[in-house]
Amino acid sequence: MAAVNTASISTPNKRVLVLNYSQTGQLAEITRRIVAPLEQDAGIAVHVETLRPLKPFPFPWGFFSFLDAFPESAHMAPPALQALTLTGDEDFDMIILPYQVWFLAPSQPVTAFLKHPLARKLLAGKPVVTVIACRNMWMMAQEKMKGLLQDCGARLLDNVALVDPSPTMASLWTTPFWLLSGKKDFLKFLPPAGVDAASITAASRFGLALRDALHNDAERGTAPLLAGLKAVDSNPQLLFSEKAATRSFFVWGKLLRAVGKPGQLRRYPFLILYVIFLITLISTVVPVSLLLQSLTRPLMRRRFAALKQQFDLPSGSGAERMSLYEH
């Protein structure tokens, strides 16, 4: 047998931590597309840490278990995770943090990790790239994510937001039906729920750009690595609805948490009351809000432009580098 030339074997000189949790599988596929170029590079070692709650969240979700998740999601009071494979002594050059939006907050498993004692040890001083896959309302969740990362001492370097391209009023119905039925096209007369297949496939451009940035030590700086790649296209016209819904989730969540713990039957009558309130809100206040925003859009153009610039940060909505990473 021929001797192995160890000098020819490349030793990884960059280490990347990927935090993985995907209830429906959609975010896992997006993460896989982004991480693949890094895993295929001999100079980069990738560690994927899958987050597992002690009591798994089902998919499809049961009706009451779906609703019962919102008080703790809104108050960012998640359940415990199963033991991590990490010790906290590992040293990573970059953290990739994909997350779903649950009731306008980061999903409970991701929040649980960021509040875990090991999170600060692993993330302090490290550049973080957040990746969001959601319906279309994520701005308030990202603000909460920024606070969690700041508490860990991490540096938010980039953000990617991939959203359902359906009209707002359509996705308001199709997304819950997907979560409850497991079928993206449960409502045949409306567009399928979720991020479209083309956007998921094209997410590989972010991995290619991160690979190049790591080879150039760009993660050590403060400039975003995914600028010019259409990473984010925020819609500030949804901000009013997000803030109103966030307040609603928080107030009702506080009441439900006072009534009982997750899974307790005593919560159920109050959950039914909240469903009635929510359907009334969706059927009346949301359409009126969207109409008023449409009518006042010319007057709010400058304000919306400033908000869009704010929420597009740090990666931005520019497309000037797309040709470098499109297939």
Protein backbone atom coordinates (compact mmCIF):
# COMPACT_ATOMS: atom_id res chain seq x y z
CA MET A 1 0.00 0.00 0.00
CA ALA A 2 1.35 3.40 -0.99
CA ALA A 3 2.21 5.77 1.85
CA VAL A 4 -0.09 8.71 2.40
CA ASN A 5 1.52 12.06 1.73
CA THR A 6 0.37 13.92 4.81
CA ALA A 7 1.81 17.16 3.55
CA SER A 8 -0.82 17.19 0.81
CA ILE A 9 -3.71 16.93 3.27
CA SER A 10 -5.16 20.34 3.97
CA THR A 11 -5.77 21.18 7.60
CA PRO A 12 -8.82 23.39 8.23
CA ASN A 13 -7.78 26.81 9.49
CA LYS A 14 -11.30 28.16 9.99
CA ARG A 15 -13.99 26.77 12.26
CA VAL A 16 -17.68 27.53 11.84
CA LEU A 17 -20.49 26.70 14.26
CA VAL A 18 -23.95 26.19 12.76
CA LEU A 19 -26.89 26.11 15.16
CA ASN A 20 -29.63 23.97 13.69
CA TYR A 21 -33.31 23.80 14.58
CA SER A 22 -36.09 23.39 12.04
CA GLN A 23 -39.59 22.32 12.97
CA THR A 24 -41.03 22.00 9.46
CA GLY A 25 -37.80 21.14 7.63
CA GLN A 26 -37.87 24.31 5.50
CA LEU A 27 -35.19 26.10 7.51
CA ALA A 28 -33.06 22.94 7.57
CA GLU A 29 -33.06 22.89 3.76
CA ILE A 30 -32.11 26.58 3.58
CA THR A 31 -29.34 26.00 6.11
CA ARG A 32 -28.08 23.02 4.13
CA ARG A 33 -27.85 25.16 0.98
CA ILE A 34 -25.88 27.86 2.79
CA VAL A 35 -23.55 25.52 4.67
CA ALA A 36 -22.75 23.17 1.75
CA PRO A 37 -20.00 25.38 0.20
CA LEU A 38 -18.33 25.62 3.61
CA GLU A 39 -18.47 21.88 4.24
CA GLN A 40 -17.01 21.20 0.81
CA ASP A 41 -13.99 23.41 1.50
CA ALA A 42 -11.00 21.61 3.01
CA GLY A 43 -9.88 24.80 4.73
CA ILE A 44 -13.09 25.15 6.76
CA ALA A 45 -14.32 22.86 9.53
CA VAL A 46 -18.06 23.02 10.16
CA HIS A 47 -19.72 21.87 13.37
CA VAL A 48 -23.52 21.57 13.17
CA GLU A 49 -25.17 21.63 16.58
CA THR A 50 -28.77 20.47 16.41
CA LEU A 51 -30.94 21.93 19.16
CA ARG A 52 -33.36 19.44 20.72
CA PRO A 53 -35.94 20.55 23.31
CA LEU A 54 -36.51 18.08 26.14
CA LYS A 55 -40.14 17.97 25.03
CA PRO A 56 -40.09 18.13 21.21
CA PHE A 57 -42.43 20.49 19.38
CA PRO A 58 -44.53 18.41 16.97
CA PHE A 59 -45.02 18.94 13.26
CA PRO A 60 -47.72 19.14 12.20
CA TRP A 61 -48.67 21.06 15.29
CA GLY A 62 -51.88 20.20 17.18
CA PHE A 63 -54.33 23.09 17.39
CA PHE A 64 -54.01 23.68 21.13
CA SER A 65 -50.28 22.89 21.30
CA PHE A 66 -49.74 25.49 18.55
CA LEU A 67 -51.62 28.15 20.49
CA ASP A 68 -50.12 27.03 23.78
CA ALA A 69 -46.64 27.87 22.45
CA PHE A 70 -47.32 31.57 22.06
CA PRO A 71 -47.17 32.79 25.70
CA GLU A 72 -43.66 31.43 26.26
CA SER A 73 -42.56 32.46 22.75
CA ALA A 74 -43.77 36.04 23.26
CA HIS A 75 -42.12 36.25 26.68
CA MET A 76 -38.97 34.46 25.46
CA ALA A 77 -39.28 31.94 28.30
CA PRO A 78 -38.39 28.71 26.51
CA PRO A 79 -38.17 25.16 27.86
CA ALA A 80 -34.89 23.37 28.54
CA LEU A 81 -32.85 21.74 25.79
CA GLN A 82 -31.37 18.27 25.72
CA ALA A 83 -27.66 18.18 26.51
CA LEU A 84 -25.48 19.88 23.91
CA THR A 85 -22.47 18.18 22.35
CA LEU A 86 -20.50 21.39 22.93
CA THR A 87 -18.54 22.05 26.11
CA GLY A 88 -18.12 25.83 25.78
CA ASP A 89 -14.35 25.56 25.39
CA GLU A 90 -14.51 25.37 21.57
CA ASP A 91 -13.21 28.31 19.56
CA PHE A 92 -15.10 29.21 16.39
CA ASP A 93 -14.30 31.87 13.82
CA MET A 94 -17.94 32.37 12.83
CA ILE A 95 -21.41 31.43 14.05
CA ILE A 96 -24.27 30.81 11.60
CA LEU A 97 -27.58 31.11 13.44
CA PRO A 98 -30.70 30.21 11.42
CA TYR A 99 -34.03 30.66 13.15
CA GLN A 100 -37.76 30.54 12.60
CA VAL A 101 -40.08 33.27 13.82
CA TRP A 102 -42.62 32.06 16.37
CA PHE A 103 -45.26 34.63 17.29
CA LEU A 104 -42.95 37.49 16.27
CA ALA A 105 -40.04 36.20 18.37
CA PRO A 106 -37.16 33.79 17.72
CA SER A 107 -38.31 30.18 18.03
CA GLN A 108 -38.21 28.74 21.53
CA PRO A 109 -35.34 26.26 20.92
CA VAL A 110 -33.10 29.01 19.53
CA THR A 111 -33.99 31.34 22.40
CA ALA A 112 -33.26 28.47 24.80
CA PHE A 113 -29.77 28.10 23.36
CA LEU A 114 -29.04 31.82 23.54
CA LYS A 115 -30.04 31.79 27.21
CA HIS A 116 -28.02 28.63 27.88
CA PRO A 117 -24.95 29.07 30.14
CA LEU A 118 -22.69 27.90 27.28
CA ALA A 119 -23.95 30.50 24.81
CA ARG A 120 -21.90 33.39 26.17
CA LYS A 121 -18.73 31.26 26.27
CA LEU A 122 -19.21 30.23 22.65
CA LEU A 123 -20.47 33.52 21.19
CA ALA A 124 -18.66 36.24 23.12
CA GLY A 125 -16.77 38.43 20.66
CA LYS A 126 -17.68 36.16 17.73
CA PRO A 127 -19.19 37.29 14.41
CA VAL A 128 -22.72 35.95 13.92
CA VAL A 129 -24.72 35.55 10.71
CA THR A 130 -28.46 35.20 11.36
CA VAL A 131 -30.69 33.50 8.80
CA ILE A 132 -34.47 33.92 9.01
CA ALA A 133 -37.11 31.87 7.19
CA CYS A 134 -40.66 33.00 7.92
CA ARG A 135 -44.00 34.22 6.60
CA ASN A 136 -43.24 37.90 6.10
CA MET A 137 -43.14 39.53 9.54
CA TRP A 138 -39.69 39.23 11.12
CA MET A 139 -38.51 42.72 12.05
CA MET A 140 -39.57 42.63 15.70
CA ALA A 141 -38.14 39.11 16.04
CA GLN A 142 -34.80 40.33 14.74
CA GLU A 143 -34.83 43.20 17.22
CA LYS A 144 -35.28 40.62 20.00
CA MET A 145 -32.52 38.51 18.46
CA LYS A 146 -30.18 41.51 18.55
CA GLY A 147 -30.84 41.84 22.28
CA LEU A 148 -30.13 38.16 22.89
CA LEU A 149 -26.89 38.33 20.90
CA GLN A 150 -25.85 41.48 22.74
CA ASP A 151 -26.41 39.69 26.04
CA CYS A 152 -24.01 36.99 24.82
CA GLY A 153 -21.43 39.57 23.74
CA ALA A 154 -21.67 38.47 20.10
CA ARG A 155 -21.21 40.65 17.02
CA LEU A 156 -24.09 40.58 14.50
CA LEU A 157 -22.25 40.78 11.19
CA ASP A 158 -24.97 39.80 8.72
CA ASN A 159 -28.65 38.96 8.47
CA VAL A 160 -30.48 37.01 5.77
CA ALA A 161 -34.29 37.08 5.65
CA LEU A 162 -36.11 34.72 3.28
CA VAL A 163 -39.89 35.14 3.32
CA ASP A 164 -43.05 33.69 1.86
CA PRO A 165 -43.70 35.65 -1.37
CA SER A 166 -47.51 35.33 -1.06
CA PRO A 167 -49.67 38.40 -0.40
CA THR A 168 -49.97 39.28 3.28
CA MET A 169 -53.64 38.36 3.66
CA ALA A 170 -53.09 35.03 1.88
CA SER A 171 -50.10 33.93 3.97
CA LEU A 172 -51.97 34.96 7.12
CA TRP A 173 -54.16 31.91 6.50
CA THR A 174 -51.91 29.51 4.59
CA THR A 175 -49.06 29.51 7.14
CA PRO A 176 -51.17 28.37 10.13
CA PHE A 177 -52.88 25.74 7.97
CA TRP A 178 -49.46 24.44 6.91
CA LEU A 179 -48.30 24.22 10.51
CA LEU A 180 -51.51 22.45 11.56
CA SER A 181 -51.88 20.12 8.57
CA GLY A 182 -48.32 19.59 7.37
CA LYS A 183 -49.41 20.55 3.84
CA LYS A 184 -48.15 23.70 2.18
CA ASP A 185 -51.03 23.69 -0.32
CA PHE A 186 -53.79 22.79 2.14
CA LEU A 187 -55.85 25.74 0.87
CA LYS A 188 -55.93 24.96 -2.86
CA PHE A 189 -57.33 28.36 -3.85
CA LEU A 190 -54.35 30.23 -2.32
CA PRO A 191 -50.59 30.14 -3.09
CA PRO A 192 -48.62 27.43 -1.25
CA ALA A 193 -47.22 28.40 2.13
CA GLY A 194 -43.54 28.92 2.84
CA VAL A 195 -40.44 30.28 1.15
CA ASP A 196 -40.52 29.46 -2.57
CA ALA A 197 -38.25 26.76 -4.01
CA ALA A 198 -36.26 29.17 -6.18
CA SER A 199 -35.29 31.31 -3.18
CA ILE A 200 -34.25 28.24 -1.21
CA THR A 201 -32.04 27.00 -4.05
CA ALA A 202 -30.50 30.45 -4.55
CA ALA A 203 -29.56 30.64 -0.84
CA SER A 204 -26.31 28.83 -1.74
CA ARG A 205 -24.93 32.22 -2.82
CA PHE A 206 -24.64 33.20 0.83
CA GLY A 207 -22.53 30.15 1.60
CA LEU A 208 -20.23 30.85 -1.33
CA ALA A 209 -19.75 34.45 -0.18
CA LEU A 210 -19.09 33.36 3.41
CA ARG A 211 -16.53 30.82 2.17
CA ASP A 212 -14.63 33.52 0.29
CA ALA A 213 -14.87 35.91 3.23
CA LEU A 214 -13.42 33.32 5.62
CA HIS A 215 -10.47 32.72 3.31
CA ASN A 216 -9.81 36.46 3.32
CA ASP A 217 -10.20 36.79 7.13
CA ALA A 218 -13.02 39.25 6.46
CA GLU A 219 -15.04 37.90 9.41
CA ARG A 220 -12.53 39.62 11.71
CA GLY A 221 -13.68 43.03 10.52
CA THR A 222 -16.90 44.94 11.05
CA ALA A 223 -18.19 45.15 7.46
CA PRO A 224 -21.04 42.81 6.44
CA LEU A 225 -19.95 39.81 4.37
CA LEU A 226 -23.20 39.43 2.43
CA ALA A 227 -23.68 42.99 1.18
CA GLY A 228 -24.83 43.21 -2.43
CA LEU A 229 -26.47 39.76 -2.39
CA LYS A 230 -30.11 40.68 -1.75
CA ALA A 231 -29.87 39.30 1.76
CA VAL A 232 -32.73 41.37 3.16
CA ASP A 233 -35.67 43.26 1.71
CA SER A 234 -37.61 44.57 4.69
CA ASN A 235 -41.14 45.90 4.39
CA PRO A 236 -41.55 48.72 6.94
CA GLN A 237 -45.24 49.03 6.06
CA LEU A 238 -45.74 45.88 8.14
CA LEU A 239 -44.06 47.38 11.18
CA PHE A 240 -47.28 48.86 12.61
CA SER A 241 -48.97 45.44 12.41
CA GLU A 242 -45.91 43.76 13.94
CA LYS A 243 -45.83 46.14 16.90
CA ALA A 244 -49.58 45.79 17.50
CA ALA A 245 -49.39 41.98 17.33
CA THR A 246 -46.32 41.92 19.58
CA ARG A 247 -48.18 43.90 22.25
CA SER A 248 -51.17 41.57 21.90
CA PHE A 249 -49.04 38.43 22.22
CA PHE A 250 -47.26 39.87 25.27
CA VAL A 251 -50.42 40.94 27.14
CA TRP A 252 -52.38 37.77 26.40
CA GLY A 253 -49.26 35.71 27.02
CA LYS A 254 -48.87 37.24 30.46
CA LEU A 255 -52.47 36.33 31.27
CA LEU A 256 -52.07 32.75 30.04
CA ARG A 257 -48.81 32.25 31.92
CA ALA A 258 -50.59 33.41 35.08
CA VAL A 259 -53.41 30.92 34.46
CA GLY A 260 -51.16 27.87 34.16
CA LYS A 261 -48.07 26.23 32.75
CA PRO A 262 -47.64 24.99 29.16
CA GLY A 263 -49.86 21.99 28.46
CA GLN A 264 -52.20 22.52 31.42
CA LEU A 265 -55.90 22.19 30.55
CA ARG A 266 -56.78 25.31 32.54
CA ARG A 267 -55.20 27.36 29.76
CA TYR A 268 -57.54 26.02 27.08
CA PRO A 269 -60.63 28.22 27.71
CA PHE A 270 -58.43 31.31 27.60
CA LEU A 271 -56.75 30.06 24.42
CA ILE A 272 -60.18 29.75 22.81
CA LEU A 273 -60.97 33.32 23.89
CA TYR A 274 -57.70 34.45 22.32
CA VAL A 275 -58.51 32.65 19.05
CA ILE A 276 -61.83 34.52 18.87
CA PHE A 277 -60.01 37.78 19.57
CA LEU A 278 -57.32 36.99 16.97
CA ILE A 279 -59.78 36.06 14.21
CA THR A 280 -61.71 39.26 14.89
CA LEU A 281 -58.47 41.22 14.73
CA ILE A 282 -57.40 39.59 11.46
CA SER A 283 -60.81 40.07 9.88
CA THR A 284 -61.25 43.71 10.85
CA VAL A 285 -58.24 45.61 12.17
CA VAL A 286 -55.58 44.13 9.85
CA PRO A 287 -57.41 44.93 6.55
CA VAL A 288 -58.26 48.43 7.78
CA SER A 289 -54.65 48.95 8.85
CA LEU A 290 -53.34 47.83 5.46
CA LEU A 291 -55.84 50.11 3.69
CA LEU A 292 -54.87 53.13 5.80
CA GLN A 293 -51.19 52.47 5.20
CA SER A 294 -51.85 52.24 1.47
CA LEU A 295 -53.70 55.57 1.50
CA THR A 296 -51.05 57.34 3.56
CA ARG A 297 -48.09 55.80 1.73
CA PRO A 298 -47.32 58.96 -0.31
CA LEU A 299 -47.20 61.00 2.93
CA MET A 300 -45.05 58.40 4.67
CA ARG A 301 -42.62 57.75 1.83
CA ARG A 302 -39.66 59.41 3.54
CA ARG A 303 -40.42 57.74 6.89
CA PHE A 304 -40.78 54.30 5.26
CA ALA A 305 -37.50 54.80 3.38
CA ALA A 306 -35.69 55.55 6.66
CA LEU A 307 -37.25 52.51 8.35
CA LYS A 308 -36.34 50.27 5.44
CA GLN A 309 -32.74 51.41 5.57
CA GLN A 310 -32.73 50.66 9.31
CA PHE A 311 -34.20 47.15 9.10
CA ASP A 312 -32.24 46.15 5.99
CA LEU A 313 -29.04 46.45 8.05
CA PRO A 314 -26.48 45.08 8.29
CA SER A 315 -26.44 43.14 5.00
CA GLY A 316 -28.78 45.33 2.96
CA SER A 317 -31.00 44.74 -0.07
CA GLY A 318 -28.47 45.71 -2.74
CA ALA A 319 -27.77 43.37 -5.66
CA GLU A 320 -24.42 44.64 -6.92
CA ARG A 321 -22.55 41.38 -6.17
CA MET A 322 -25.21 38.94 -7.34
CA SER A 323 -23.41 38.15 -10.60
CA LEU A 324 -20.41 36.83 -8.65
CA TYR A 325 -22.37 34.07 -6.95
CA GLU A 326 -25.31 33.26 -9.20
CA HIS A 327 -25.25 29.91 -10.97
